Amino acid sequence: MTPRVIWGTVTVAAMVAAAVVALDLLADWVGDVGAPLWISAGFFFPFIAGIAVGPWGNSPAGRAVGAVVGAGVVLLPSVVYVLAQEPDLSVMRLPLLLAVFTPLAGMQGAIGMPVGASARRRAR
């Protein structure tokens, strides 16, 4: 096994573990249907952004933007909810959710943006 395969396997295992923890935390907050949809949004929105920007989305800068878009999928709704509702954060376990879900969505975005960019390239 090459180091690339080993690191890829470790990364996927870490993403699965983070997704399982995030699903458990989100189920109490947004329900059984909303939790997987929100986790999938970490791929979806960067994918759509990759289609919009085209081949640039497959560059290192495009991957970084995809990671930011993915993390934004987690952070923006969370911040809006906290500012609007003023919930008890310890009961919601929001700090743990953000610590697990934000890097997961960032990785999903870094993967999703180039996939969307290449999808546009194949469509022509």
PDB file of N, CA and C in Angstrom:
ATOM      1  N   MET A   1       0.844  -1.186   0.000  1.00  0.00           N
ATOM      2  CA  MET A   1       0.000   0.000   0.000  1.00  0.00           C
ATOM      3  C   MET A   1       0.884   1.242   0.000  1.00  0.00           C
ATOM      4  N   THR A   2       0.487   2.179  -0.814  1.00  0.00           N
ATOM      5  CA  THR A   2       1.236   3.418  -0.904  1.00  0.00           C
ATOM      6  C   THR A   2       0.780   4.381   0.192  1.00  0.00           C
ATOM      7  N   PRO A   3       1.617   5.355   0.522  1.00  0.00           N
ATOM      8  CA  PRO A   3       1.195   6.343   1.530  1.00  0.00           C
ATOM      9  C   PRO A   3      -0.085   7.086   1.125  1.00  0.00           C
ATOM     10  N   ARG A   4      -0.270   7.310  -0.167  1.00  0.00           N
ATOM     11  CA  ARG A   4      -1.482   8.005  -0.614  1.00  0.00           C
ATOM     12  C   ARG A   4      -2.729   7.179  -0.298  1.00  0.00           C
ATOM     13  N   VAL A   5      -2.664   5.880  -0.509  1.00  0.00           N
ATOM     14  CA  VAL A   5      -3.802   5.013  -0.207  1.00  0.00           C
ATOM     15  C   VAL A   5      -4.057   4.981   1.293  1.00  0.00           C
ATOM     16  N   ILE A   6      -2.996   4.913   2.066  1.00  0.00           N
ATOM     17  CA  ILE A   6      -3.139   4.882   3.529  1.00  0.00           C
ATOM     18  C   ILE A   6      -3.789   6.170   4.025  1.00  0.00           C
ATOM     19  N   TRP A   7      -3.274   7.326   3.565  1.00  0.00           N
ATOM     20  CA  TRP A   7      -3.835   8.607   4.004  1.00  0.00           C
ATOM     21  C   TRP A   7      -5.269   8.774   3.517  1.00  0.00           C
ATOM     22  N   GLY A   8      -5.566   8.310   2.319  1.00  0.00           N
ATOM     23  CA  GLY A   8      -6.932   8.389   1.815  1.00  0.00           C
ATOM     24  C   GLY A   8      -7.888   7.549   2.649  1.00  0.00           C
ATOM     25  N   THR A   9      -7.429   6.362   3.036  1.00  0.00           N
ATOM     26  CA  THR A   9      -8.255   5.483   3.861  1.00  0.00           C
ATOM     27  C   THR A   9      -8.494   6.088   5.242  1.00  0.00           C
ATOM     28  N   VAL A  10      -7.455   6.640   5.829  1.00  0.00           N
ATOM     29  CA  VAL A  10      -7.594   7.278   7.147  1.00  0.00           C
ATOM     30  C   VAL A  10      -8.529   8.481   7.063  1.00  0.00           C
ATOM     31  N   THR A  11      -8.418   9.256   5.991  1.00  0.00           N
ATOM     32  CA  THR A  11      -9.279  10.429   5.823  1.00  0.00           C
ATOM     33  C   THR A  11     -10.741  10.022   5.686  1.00  0.00           C
ATOM     34  N   VAL A  12     -11.011   9.006   4.876  1.00  0.00           N
ATOM     35  CA  VAL A  12     -12.390   8.547   4.708  1.00  0.00           C
ATOM     36  C   VAL A  12     -12.939   8.006   6.025  1.00  0.00           C
ATOM     37  N   ALA A  13     -12.134   7.254   6.748  1.00  0.00           N
ATOM     38  CA  ALA A  13     -12.584   6.732   8.048  1.00  0.00           C
ATOM     39  C   ALA A  13     -12.899   7.871   9.016  1.00  0.00           C
ATOM     40  N   ALA A  14     -12.066   8.908   9.017  1.00  0.00           N
ATOM     41  CA  ALA A  14     -12.319  10.063   9.888  1.00  0.00           C
ATOM     42  C   ALA A  14     -13.584  10.798   9.466  1.00  0.00           C
ATOM     43  N   MET A  15     -13.817  10.912   8.156  1.00  0.00           N
ATOM     44  CA  MET A  15     -15.035  11.571   7.682  1.00  0.00           C
ATOM     45  C   MET A  15     -16.275  10.772   8.059  1.00  0.00           C
ATOM     46  N   VAL A  16     -16.202   9.453   7.985  1.00  0.00           N
ATOM     47  CA  VAL A  16     -17.338   8.615   8.377  1.00  0.00           C
ATOM     48  C   VAL A  16     -17.617   8.769   9.868  1.00  0.00           C
ATOM     49  N   ALA A  17     -16.559   8.750  10.667  1.00  0.00           N
ATOM     50  CA  ALA A  17     -16.733   8.909  12.116  1.00  0.00           C
ATOM     51  C   ALA A  17     -17.346  10.275  12.433  1.00  0.00           C
ATOM     52  N   ALA A  18     -16.864  11.322  11.773  1.00  0.00           N
ATOM     53  CA  ALA A  18     -17.413  12.657  12.001  1.00  0.00           C
ATOM     54  C   ALA A  18     -18.873  12.730  11.563  1.00  0.00           C
ATOM     55  N   ALA A  19     -19.210  12.068  10.461  1.00  0.00           N
ATOM     56  CA  ALA A  19     -20.595  12.077   9.984  1.00  0.00           C
ATOM     57  C   ALA A  19     -21.520  11.353  10.960  1.00  0.00           C
ATOM     58  N   VAL A  20     -21.055  10.257  11.535  1.00  0.00           N
ATOM     59  CA  VAL A  20     -21.882   9.520  12.493  1.00  0.00           C
ATOM     60  C   VAL A  20     -22.136  10.366  13.741  1.00  0.00           C
ATOM     61  N   VAL A  21     -21.089  11.018  14.238  1.00  0.00           N
ATOM     62  CA  VAL A  21     -21.252  11.883  15.415  1.00  0.00           C
ATOM     63  C   VAL A  21     -22.168  13.057  15.080  1.00  0.00           C
ATOM     64  N   ALA A  22     -21.956  13.673  13.911  1.00  0.00           N
ATOM     65  CA  ALA A  22     -22.795  14.805  13.520  1.00  0.00           C
ATOM     66  C   ALA A  22     -24.254  14.382  13.343  1.00  0.00           C
ATOM     67  N   LEU A  23     -24.487  13.196  12.770  1.00  0.00           N
ATOM     68  CA  LEU A  23     -25.859  12.704  12.635  1.00  0.00           C
ATOM     69  C   LEU A  23     -26.539  12.570  13.989  1.00  0.00           C
ATOM     70  N   ASP A  24     -25.802  12.029  14.950  1.00  0.00           N
ATOM     71  CA  ASP A  24     -26.372  11.867  16.295  1.00  0.00           C
ATOM     72  C   ASP A  24     -26.703  13.218  16.918  1.00  0.00           C
ATOM     73  N   LEU A  25     -25.801  14.182  16.780  1.00  0.00           N
ATOM     74  CA  LEU A  25     -26.031  15.505  17.369  1.00  0.00           C
ATOM     75  C   LEU A  25     -27.133  16.266  16.635  1.00  0.00           C
ATOM     76  N   LEU A  26     -27.173  16.137  15.319  1.00  0.00           N
ATOM     77  CA  LEU A  26     -28.162  16.870  14.536  1.00  0.00           C
ATOM     78  C   LEU A  26     -29.562  16.294  14.653  1.00  0.00           C
ATOM     79  N   ALA A  27     -29.661  14.997  14.916  1.00  0.00           N
ATOM     80  CA  ALA A  27     -30.990  14.368  14.996  1.00  0.00           C
ATOM     81  C   ALA A  27     -31.850  15.026  16.073  1.00  0.00           C
ATOM     82  N   ASP A  28     -31.239  15.423  17.181  1.00  0.00           N
ATOM     83  CA  ASP A  28     -31.991  16.097  18.240  1.00  0.00           C
ATOM     84  C   ASP A  28     -32.387  17.513  17.840  1.00  0.00           C
ATOM     85  N   TRP A  29     -31.615  18.103  16.955  1.00  0.00           N
ATOM     86  CA  TRP A  29     -31.806  19.504  16.608  1.00  0.00           C
ATOM     87  C   TRP A  29     -32.729  19.685  15.403  1.00  0.00           C
ATOM     88  N   VAL A  30     -32.468  18.958  14.312  1.00  0.00           N
ATOM     89  CA  VAL A  30     -33.246  19.150  13.084  1.00  0.00           C
ATOM     90  C   VAL A  30     -34.031  17.920  12.672  1.00  0.00           C
ATOM     91  N   GLY A  31     -33.974  16.847  13.445  1.00  0.00           N
ATOM     92  CA  GLY A  31     -34.776  15.665  13.167  1.00  0.00           C
ATOM     93  C   GLY A  31     -34.056  14.618  12.330  1.00  0.00           C
ATOM     94  N   ASP A  32     -34.725  13.487  12.184  1.00  0.00           N
ATOM     95  CA  ASP A  32     -34.137  12.358  11.486  1.00  0.00           C
ATOM     96  C   ASP A  32     -34.002  12.581   9.983  1.00  0.00           C
ATOM     97  N   VAL A  33     -34.848  13.404   9.412  1.00  0.00           N
ATOM     98  CA  VAL A  33     -34.762  13.681   7.982  1.00  0.00           C
ATOM     99  C   VAL A  33     -33.826  14.853   7.720  1.00  0.00           C
ATOM    100  N   GLY A  34     -33.877  15.861   8.552  1.00  0.00           N
ATOM    101  CA  GLY A  34     -33.057  17.047   8.344  1.00  0.00           C
ATOM    102  C   GLY A  34     -31.573  16.807   8.540  1.00  0.00           C
ATOM    103  N   ALA A  35     -31.211  15.899   9.433  1.00  0.00           N
ATOM    104  CA  ALA A  35     -29.793  15.659   9.726  1.00  0.00           C
ATOM    105  C   ALA A  35     -29.024  15.154   8.509  1.00  0.00           C
ATOM    106  N   PRO A  36     -29.463  14.086   7.840  1.00  0.00           N
ATOM    107  CA  PRO A  36     -28.700  13.649   6.668  1.00  0.00           C
ATOM    108  C   PRO A  36     -28.749  14.646   5.517  1.00  0.00           C
ATOM    109  N   LEU A  37     -29.859  15.381   5.411  1.00  0.00           N
ATOM    110  CA  LEU A  37     -29.924  16.398   4.360  1.00  0.00           C
ATOM    111  C   LEU A  37     -28.905  17.506   4.595  1.00  0.00           C
ATOM    112  N   TRP A  38     -28.774  17.934   5.851  1.00  0.00           N
ATOM    113  CA  TRP A  38     -27.824  18.986   6.164  1.00  0.00           C
ATOM    114  C   TRP A  38     -26.394  18.491   5.943  1.00  0.00           C
ATOM    115  N   ILE A  39     -26.116  17.255   6.309  1.00  0.00           N
ATOM    116  CA  ILE A  39     -24.781  16.712   6.078  1.00  0.00           C
ATOM    117  C   ILE A  39     -24.508  16.602   4.580  1.00  0.00           C
ATOM    118  N   SER A  40     -25.493  16.209   3.799  1.00  0.00           N
ATOM    119  CA  SER A  40     -25.325  16.120   2.345  1.00  0.00           C
ATOM    120  C   SER A  40     -25.131  17.491   1.704  1.00  0.00           C
ATOM    121  N   ALA A  41     -25.638  18.522   2.342  1.00  0.00           N
ATOM    122  CA  ALA A  41     -25.487  19.876   1.804  1.00  0.00           C
ATOM    123  C   ALA A  41     -24.029  20.295   1.740  1.00  0.00           C
ATOM    124  N   GLY A  42     -23.179  19.681   2.575  1.00  0.00           N
ATOM    125  CA  GLY A  42     -21.744  19.969   2.511  1.00  0.00           C
ATOM    126  C   GLY A  42     -21.133  19.577   1.188  1.00  0.00           C
ATOM    127  N   PHE A  43     -21.715  18.597   0.509  1.00  0.00           N
ATOM    128  CA  PHE A  43     -21.300  18.239  -0.848  1.00  0.00           C
ATOM    129  C   PHE A  43     -22.071  19.034  -1.894  1.00  0.00           C
ATOM    130  N   PHE A  44     -23.373  19.201  -1.684  1.00  0.00           N
ATOM    131  CA  PHE A  44     -24.259  19.739  -2.711  1.00  0.00           C
ATOM    132  C   PHE A  44     -23.917  21.176  -3.112  1.00  0.00           C
ATOM    133  N   PHE A  45     -23.833  22.073  -2.145  1.00  0.00           N
ATOM    134  CA  PHE A  45     -23.616  23.476  -2.492  1.00  0.00           C
ATOM    135  C   PHE A  45     -22.251  23.730  -3.136  1.00  0.00           C
ATOM    136  N   PRO A  46     -21.161  23.123  -2.658  1.00  0.00           N
ATOM    137  CA  PRO A  46     -19.900  23.280  -3.391  1.00  0.00           C
ATOM    138  C   PRO A  46     -19.953  22.650  -4.786  1.00  0.00           C
ATOM    139  N   PHE A  47     -20.686  21.553  -4.943  1.00  0.00           N
ATOM    140  CA  PHE A  47     -20.839  20.935  -6.260  1.00  0.00           C
ATOM    141  C   PHE A  47     -21.499  21.919  -7.225  1.00  0.00           C
ATOM    142  N   ILE A  48     -22.587  22.549  -6.776  1.00  0.00           N
ATOM    143  CA  ILE A  48     -23.276  23.539  -7.618  1.00  0.00           C
ATOM    144  C   ILE A  48     -22.358  24.729  -7.908  1.00  0.00           C
ATOM    145  N   ALA A  49     -21.594  25.160  -6.899  1.00  0.00           N
ATOM    146  CA  ALA A  49     -20.639  26.253  -7.116  1.00  0.00           C
ATOM    147  C   ALA A  49     -19.570  25.837  -8.125  1.00  0.00           C
ATOM    148  N   GLY A  50     -19.135  24.579  -8.091  1.00  0.00           N
ATOM    149  CA  GLY A  50     -18.160  24.080  -9.057  1.00  0.00           C
ATOM    150  C   GLY A  50     -18.712  24.104 -10.468  1.00  0.00           C
ATOM    151  N   ILE A  51     -19.986  23.755 -10.622  1.00  0.00           N
ATOM    152  CA  ILE A  51     -20.615  23.835 -11.946  1.00  0.00           C
ATOM    153  C   ILE A  51     -20.632  25.284 -12.408  1.00  0.00           C
ATOM    154  N   ALA A  52     -20.902  26.204 -11.477  1.00  0.00           N
ATOM    155  CA  ALA A  52     -20.997  27.621 -11.835  1.00  0.00           C
ATOM    156  C   ALA A  52     -19.655  28.211 -12.263  1.00  0.00           C
ATOM    157  N   VAL A  53     -18.566  27.827 -11.579  1.00  0.00           N
ATOM    158  CA  VAL A  53     -17.275  28.450 -11.890  1.00  0.00           C
ATOM    159  C   VAL A  53     -16.515  27.735 -12.985  1.00  0.00           C
ATOM    160  N   GLY A  54     -16.863  26.509 -13.285  1.00  0.00           N
ATOM    161  CA  GLY A  54     -16.212  25.788 -14.373  1.00  0.00           C
ATOM    162  C   GLY A  54     -14.836  25.266 -14.003  1.00  0.00           C
ATOM    163  N   PRO A  55     -13.914  25.214 -14.975  1.00  0.00           N
ATOM    164  CA  PRO A  55     -12.615  24.580 -14.757  1.00  0.00           C
ATOM    165  C   PRO A  55     -11.796  25.179 -13.605  1.00  0.00           C
ATOM    166  N   TRP A  56     -12.027  26.426 -13.275  1.00  0.00           N
ATOM    167  CA  TRP A  56     -11.289  27.023 -12.163  1.00  0.00           C
ATOM    168  C   TRP A  56     -11.560  26.284 -10.867  1.00  0.00           C
ATOM    169  N   GLY A  57     -12.714  25.689 -10.729  1.00  0.00           N
ATOM    170  CA  GLY A  57     -13.064  24.963  -9.514  1.00  0.00           C
ATOM    171  C   GLY A  57     -12.197  23.749  -9.251  1.00  0.00           C
ATOM    172  N   ASN A  58     -11.469  23.284 -10.254  1.00  0.00           N
ATOM    173  CA  ASN A  58     -10.590  22.130 -10.087  1.00  0.00           C
ATOM    174  C   ASN A  58      -9.167  22.541  -9.708  1.00  0.00           C
ATOM    175  N   SER A  59      -8.926  23.815  -9.528  1.00  0.00           N
ATOM    176  CA  SER A  59      -7.600  24.302  -9.132  1.00  0.00           C
ATOM    177  C   SER A  59      -7.461  24.241  -7.611  1.00  0.00           C
ATOM    178  N   PRO A  60      -6.244  24.391  -7.101  1.00  0.00           N
ATOM    179  CA  PRO A  60      -6.089  24.433  -5.639  1.00  0.00           C
ATOM    180  C   PRO A  60      -6.907  25.556  -4.986  1.00  0.00           C
ATOM    181  N   ALA A  61      -6.984  26.693  -5.640  1.00  0.00           N
ATOM    182  CA  ALA A  61      -7.799  27.791  -5.102  1.00  0.00           C
ATOM    183  C   ALA A  61      -9.282  27.421  -5.119  1.00  0.00           C
ATOM    184  N   GLY A  62      -9.703  26.709  -6.155  1.00  0.00           N
ATOM    185  CA  GLY A  62     -11.091  26.265  -6.229  1.00  0.00           C
ATOM    186  C   GLY A  62     -11.421  25.281  -5.127  1.00  0.00           C
ATOM    187  N   ARG A  63     -10.476  24.401  -4.802  1.00  0.00           N
ATOM    188  CA  ARG A  63     -10.692  23.465  -3.699  1.00  0.00           C
ATOM    189  C   ARG A  63     -10.810  24.213  -2.366  1.00  0.00           C
ATOM    190  N   ALA A  64      -9.990  25.237  -2.195  1.00  0.00           N
ATOM    191  CA  ALA A  64     -10.055  26.030  -0.963  1.00  0.00           C
ATOM    192  C   ALA A  64     -11.399  26.755  -0.861  1.00  0.00           C
ATOM    193  N   VAL A  65     -11.862  27.305  -1.972  1.00  0.00           N
ATOM    194  CA  VAL A  65     -13.170  27.966  -1.973  1.00  0.00           C
ATOM    195  C   VAL A  65     -14.272  26.948  -1.695  1.00  0.00           C
ATOM    196  N   GLY A  66     -14.149  25.746  -2.246  1.00  0.00           N
ATOM    197  CA  GLY A  66     -15.110  24.690  -1.967  1.00  0.00           C
ATOM    198  C   GLY A  66     -15.153  24.340  -0.492  1.00  0.00           C
ATOM    199  N   ALA A  67     -13.981  24.307   0.148  1.00  0.00           N
ATOM    200  CA  ALA A  67     -13.930  24.030   1.586  1.00  0.00           C
ATOM    201  C   ALA A  67     -14.614  25.140   2.373  1.00  0.00           C
ATOM    202  N   VAL A  68     -14.428  26.378   1.957  1.00  0.00           N
ATOM    203  CA  VAL A  68     -15.072  27.505   2.641  1.00  0.00           C
ATOM    204  C   VAL A  68     -16.589  27.456   2.444  1.00  0.00           C
ATOM    205  N   VAL A  69     -17.025  27.134   1.236  1.00  0.00           N
ATOM    206  CA  VAL A  69     -18.467  27.026   0.978  1.00  0.00           C
ATOM    207  C   VAL A  69     -19.052  25.887   1.817  1.00  0.00           C
ATOM    208  N   GLY A  70     -18.356  24.760   1.874  1.00  0.00           N
ATOM    209  CA  GLY A  70     -18.828  23.638   2.681  1.00  0.00           C
ATOM    210  C   GLY A  70     -18.927  23.988   4.154  1.00  0.00           C
ATOM    211  N   ALA A  71     -17.903  24.646   4.682  1.00  0.00           N
ATOM    212  CA  ALA A  71     -17.939  25.059   6.087  1.00  0.00           C
ATOM    213  C   ALA A  71     -19.025  26.101   6.318  1.00  0.00           C
ATOM    214  N   GLY A  72     -19.258  26.945   5.320  1.00  0.00           N
ATOM    215  CA  GLY A  72     -20.316  27.948   5.441  1.00  0.00           C
ATOM    216  C   GLY A  72     -21.701  27.334   5.541  1.00  0.00           C
ATOM    217  N   VAL A  73     -21.871  26.154   4.934  1.00  0.00           N
ATOM    218  CA  VAL A  73     -23.143  25.433   5.021  1.00  0.00           C
ATOM    219  C   VAL A  73     -23.461  25.100   6.471  1.00  0.00           C
ATOM    220  N   VAL A  74     -22.430  24.900   7.270  1.00  0.00           N
ATOM    221  CA  VAL A  74     -22.620  24.587   8.692  1.00  0.00           C
ATOM    222  C   VAL A  74     -22.700  25.857   9.514  1.00  0.00           C
ATOM    223  N   LEU A  75     -21.766  26.754   9.297  1.00  0.00           N
ATOM    224  CA  LEU A  75     -21.612  27.903  10.186  1.00  0.00           C
ATOM    225  C   LEU A  75     -22.716  28.942  10.032  1.00  0.00           C
ATOM    226  N   LEU A  76     -23.102  29.266   8.815  1.00  0.00           N
ATOM    227  CA  LEU A  76     -24.095  30.329   8.622  1.00  0.00           C
ATOM    228  C   LEU A  76     -25.444  30.007   9.273  1.00  0.00           C
ATOM    229  N   PRO A  77     -26.052  28.848   9.015  1.00  0.00           N
ATOM    230  CA  PRO A  77     -27.324  28.570   9.697  1.00  0.00           C
ATOM    231  C   PRO A  77     -27.178  28.481  11.213  1.00  0.00           C
ATOM    232  N   SER A  78     -26.048  27.956  11.669  1.00  0.00           N
ATOM    233  CA  SER A  78     -25.835  27.838  13.118  1.00  0.00           C
ATOM    234  C   SER A  78     -25.752  29.205  13.776  1.00  0.00           C
ATOM    235  N   VAL A  79     -25.017  30.104  13.161  1.00  0.00           N
ATOM    236  CA  VAL A  79     -24.871  31.456  13.724  1.00  0.00           C
ATOM    237  C   VAL A  79     -26.203  32.193  13.690  1.00  0.00           C
ATOM    238  N   VAL A  80     -26.925  32.076  12.585  1.00  0.00           N
ATOM    239  CA  VAL A  80     -28.232  32.739  12.493  1.00  0.00           C
ATOM    240  C   VAL A  80     -29.172  32.198  13.561  1.00  0.00           C
ATOM    241  N   TYR A  81     -29.173  30.882  13.766  1.00  0.00           N
ATOM    242  CA  TYR A  81     -30.046  30.284  14.781  1.00  0.00           C
ATOM    243  C   TYR A  81     -29.683  30.774  16.171  1.00  0.00           C
ATOM    244  N   VAL A  82     -28.396  30.801  16.474  1.00  0.00           N
ATOM    245  CA  VAL A  82     -27.959  31.241  17.803  1.00  0.00           C
ATOM    246  C   VAL A  82     -28.320  32.703  18.027  1.00  0.00           C
ATOM    247  N   LEU A  83     -28.136  33.549  17.019  1.00  0.00           N
ATOM    248  CA  LEU A  83     -28.460  34.968  17.176  1.00  0.00           C
ATOM    249  C   LEU A  83     -29.969  35.208  17.258  1.00  0.00           C
ATOM    250  N   ALA A  84     -30.746  34.411  16.541  1.00  0.00           N
ATOM    251  CA  ALA A  84     -32.192  34.630  16.524  1.00  0.00           C
ATOM    252  C   ALA A  84     -32.899  34.008  17.721  1.00  0.00           C
ATOM    253  N   GLN A  85     -32.466  32.831  18.149  1.00  0.00           N
ATOM    254  CA  GLN A  85     -33.186  32.102  19.181  1.00  0.00           C
ATOM    255  C   GLN A  85     -32.573  32.220  20.569  1.00  0.00           C
ATOM    256  N   GLU A  86     -31.309  32.534  20.655  1.00  0.00           N
ATOM    257  CA  GLU A  86     -30.571  32.584  21.921  1.00  0.00           C
ATOM    258  C   GLU A  86     -30.790  31.310  22.741  1.00  0.00           C
ATOM    259  N   PRO A  87     -30.440  30.142  22.171  1.00  0.00           N
ATOM    260  CA  PRO A  87     -30.679  28.879  22.874  1.00  0.00           C
ATOM    261  C   PRO A  87     -29.617  28.617  23.941  1.00  0.00           C
ATOM    262  N   ASP A  88     -29.875  27.628  24.760  1.00  0.00           N
ATOM    263  CA  ASP A  88     -28.881  27.158  25.720  1.00  0.00           C
ATOM    264  C   ASP A  88     -27.924  26.247  24.958  1.00  0.00           C
ATOM    265  N   LEU A  89     -26.728  26.742  24.674  1.00  0.00           N
ATOM    266  CA  LEU A  89     -25.788  26.025  23.812  1.00  0.00           C
ATOM    267  C   LEU A  89     -25.313  24.718  24.425  1.00  0.00           C
ATOM    268  N   SER A  90     -25.268  24.638  25.742  1.00  0.00           N
ATOM    269  CA  SER A  90     -24.810  23.402  26.365  1.00  0.00           C
ATOM    270  C   SER A  90     -25.828  22.286  26.196  1.00  0.00           C
ATOM    271  N   VAL A  91     -27.100  22.622  26.194  1.00  0.00           N
ATOM    272  CA  VAL A  91     -28.133  21.615  25.995  1.00  0.00           C
ATOM    273  C   VAL A  91     -28.096  21.112  24.547  1.00  0.00           C
ATOM    274  N   MET A  92     -27.879  22.008  23.614  1.00  0.00           N
ATOM    275  CA  MET A  92     -27.831  21.631  22.203  1.00  0.00           C
ATOM    276  C   MET A  92     -26.517  20.949  21.825  1.00  0.00           C
ATOM    277  N   ARG A  93     -25.515  21.070  22.645  1.00  0.00           N
ATOM    278  CA  ARG A  93     -24.170  20.567  22.347  1.00  0.00           C
ATOM    279  C   ARG A  93     -23.641  21.160  21.039  1.00  0.00           C
ATOM    280  N   LEU A  94     -23.968  22.434  20.821  1.00  0.00           N
ATOM    281  CA  LEU A  94     -23.566  23.119  19.601  1.00  0.00           C
ATOM    282  C   LEU A  94     -22.056  23.231  19.448  1.00  0.00           C
ATOM    283  N   PRO A  95     -21.289  23.522  20.500  1.00  0.00           N
ATOM    284  CA  PRO A  95     -19.834  23.579  20.306  1.00  0.00           C
ATOM    285  C   PRO A  95     -19.251  22.255  19.790  1.00  0.00           C
ATOM    286  N   LEU A  96     -19.724  21.130  20.328  1.00  0.00           N
ATOM    287  CA  LEU A  96     -19.254  19.834  19.843  1.00  0.00           C
ATOM    288  C   LEU A  96     -19.691  19.609  18.402  1.00  0.00           C
ATOM    289  N   LEU A  97     -20.925  19.977  18.082  1.00  0.00           N
ATOM    290  CA  LEU A  97     -21.408  19.830  16.718  1.00  0.00           C
ATOM    291  C   LEU A  97     -20.558  20.627  15.745  1.00  0.00           C
ATOM    292  N   LEU A  98     -20.281  21.879  16.082  1.00  0.00           N
ATOM    293  CA  LEU A  98     -19.469  22.704  15.193  1.00  0.00           C
ATOM    294  C   LEU A  98     -18.040  22.178  15.074  1.00  0.00           C
ATOM    295  N   ALA A  99     -17.508  21.641  16.164  1.00  0.00           N
ATOM    296  CA  ALA A  99     -16.142  21.104  16.127  1.00  0.00           C
ATOM    297  C   ALA A  99     -16.043  19.864  15.246  1.00  0.00           C
ATOM    298  N   VAL A 100     -17.114  19.111  15.141  1.00  0.00           N
ATOM    299  CA  VAL A 100     -17.104  17.888  14.332  1.00  0.00           C
ATOM    300  C   VAL A 100     -17.605  18.157  12.913  1.00  0.00           C
ATOM    301  N   PHE A 101     -18.678  18.906  12.799  1.00  0.00           N
ATOM    302  CA  PHE A 101     -19.374  19.069  11.527  1.00  0.00           C
ATOM    303  C   PHE A 101     -18.684  20.073  10.596  1.00  0.00           C
ATOM    304  N   THR A 102     -18.087  21.115  11.128  1.00  0.00           N
ATOM    305  CA  THR A 102     -17.456  22.123  10.286  1.00  0.00           C
ATOM    306  C   THR A 102     -16.283  21.547   9.490  1.00  0.00           C
ATOM    307  N   PRO A 103     -15.333  20.821  10.113  1.00  0.00           N
ATOM    308  CA  PRO A 103     -14.261  20.229   9.296  1.00  0.00           C
ATOM    309  C   PRO A 103     -14.785  19.182   8.304  1.00  0.00           C
ATOM    310  N   LEU A 104     -15.814  18.438   8.705  1.00  0.00           N
ATOM    311  CA  LEU A 104     -16.403  17.458   7.791  1.00  0.00           C
ATOM    312  C   LEU A 104     -16.958  18.154   6.556  1.00  0.00           C
ATOM    313  N   ALA A 105     -17.741  19.187   6.753  1.00  0.00           N
ATOM    314  CA  ALA A 105     -18.323  19.910   5.620  1.00  0.00           C
ATOM    315  C   ALA A 105     -17.246  20.602   4.792  1.00  0.00           C
ATOM    316  N   GLY A 106     -16.183  21.066   5.436  1.00  0.00           N
ATOM    317  CA  GLY A 106     -15.067  21.650   4.692  1.00  0.00           C
ATOM    318  C   GLY A 106     -14.402  20.629   3.773  1.00  0.00           C
ATOM    319  N   MET A 107     -14.199  19.425   4.286  1.00  0.00           N
ATOM    320  CA  MET A 107     -13.634  18.356   3.448  1.00  0.00           C
ATOM    321  C   MET A 107     -14.599  17.992   2.326  1.00  0.00           C
ATOM    322  N   GLN A 108     -15.880  17.923   2.634  1.00  0.00           N
ATOM    323  CA  GLN A 108     -16.867  17.624   1.599  1.00  0.00           C
ATOM    324  C   GLN A 108     -16.845  18.700   0.509  1.00  0.00           C
ATOM    325  N   GLY A 109     -16.715  19.945   0.917  1.00  0.00           N
ATOM    326  CA  GLY A 109     -16.669  21.034  -0.054  1.00  0.00           C
ATOM    327  C   GLY A 109     -15.431  20.981  -0.923  1.00  0.00           C
ATOM    328  N   ALA A 110     -14.287  20.628  -0.314  1.00  0.00           N
ATOM    329  CA  ALA A 110     -13.049  20.517  -1.085  1.00  0.00           C
ATOM    330  C   ALA A 110     -13.125  19.369  -2.091  1.00  0.00           C
ATOM    331  N   ILE A 111     -13.944  18.374  -1.803  1.00  0.00           N
ATOM    332  CA  ILE A 111     -14.149  17.273  -2.744  1.00  0.00           C
ATOM    333  C   ILE A 111     -15.225  17.638  -3.769  1.00  0.00           C
ATOM    334  N   GLY A 112     -16.288  18.275  -3.323  1.00  0.00           N
ATOM    335  CA  GLY A 112     -17.433  18.557  -4.189  1.00  0.00           C
ATOM    336  C   GLY A 112     -17.187  19.617  -5.244  1.00  0.00           C
ATOM    337  N   MET A 113     -16.398  20.641  -4.935  1.00  0.00           N
ATOM    338  CA  MET A 113     -16.156  21.720  -5.895  1.00  0.00           C
ATOM    339  C   MET A 113     -15.467  21.206  -7.171  1.00  0.00           C
ATOM    340  N   PRO A 114     -14.384  20.442  -7.082  1.00  0.00           N
ATOM    341  CA  PRO A 114     -13.774  19.945  -8.319  1.00  0.00           C
ATOM    342  C   PRO A 114     -14.663  18.972  -9.090  1.00  0.00           C
ATOM    343  N   VAL A 115     -15.484  18.211  -8.384  1.00  0.00           N
ATOM    344  CA  VAL A 115     -16.395  17.292  -9.072  1.00  0.00           C
ATOM    345  C   VAL A 115     -17.406  18.090  -9.892  1.00  0.00           C
ATOM    346  N   GLY A 116     -17.946  19.141  -9.317  1.00  0.00           N
ATOM    347  CA  GLY A 116     -18.874  19.989 -10.057  1.00  0.00           C
ATOM    348  C   GLY A 116     -18.201  20.671 -11.232  1.00  0.00           C
ATOM    349  N   ALA A 117     -16.963  21.106 -11.048  1.00  0.00           N
ATOM    350  CA  ALA A 117     -16.227  21.753 -12.130  1.00  0.00           C
ATOM    351  C   ALA A 117     -15.985  20.777 -13.277  1.00  0.00           C
ATOM    352  N   SER A 118     -15.660  19.543 -12.953  1.00  0.00           N
ATOM    353  CA  SER A 118     -15.426  18.569 -14.021  1.00  0.00           C
ATOM    354  C   SER A 118     -16.734  18.137 -14.672  1.00  0.00           C
ATOM    355  N   ALA A 119     -17.849  18.184 -13.943  1.00  0.00           N
ATOM    356  CA  ALA A 119     -19.145  17.850 -14.535  1.00  0.00           C
ATOM    357  C   ALA A 119     -19.508  18.859 -15.623  1.00  0.00           C
ATOM    358  N   ARG A 120     -19.197  20.099 -15.404  1.00  0.00           N
ATOM    359  CA  ARG A 120     -19.479  21.122 -16.425  1.00  0.00           C
ATOM    360  C   ARG A 120     -18.610  20.916 -17.651  1.00  0.00           C
ATOM    361  N   ARG A 121     -17.369  20.531 -17.434  1.00  0.00           N
ATOM    362  CA  ARG A 121     -16.446  20.338 -18.537  1.00  0.00           C
ATOM    363  C   ARG A 121     -16.914  19.177 -19.429  1.00  0.00           C
ATOM    364  N   ARG A 122     -17.448  18.107 -18.826  1.00  0.00           N
ATOM    365  CA  ARG A 122     -17.910  16.946 -19.596  1.00  0.00           C
ATOM    366  C   ARG A 122     -19.201  17.237 -20.346  1.00  0.00           C
ATOM    367  N   ALA A 123     -19.962  18.201 -19.882  1.00  0.00           N
ATOM    368  CA  ALA A 123     -21.268  18.475 -20.493  1.00  0.00           C
ATOM    369  C   ALA A 123     -21.138  19.127 -21.854  1.00  0.00           C
ATOM    370  N   ARG A 124     -20.028  19.725 -22.154  1.00  0.00           N
ATOM    371  CA  ARG A 124     -19.875  20.436 -23.439  1.00  0.00           C
ATOM    372  C   ARG A 124     -19.593  19.524 -24.557  1.00  0.00           C
TER     373      ARG A 124
END
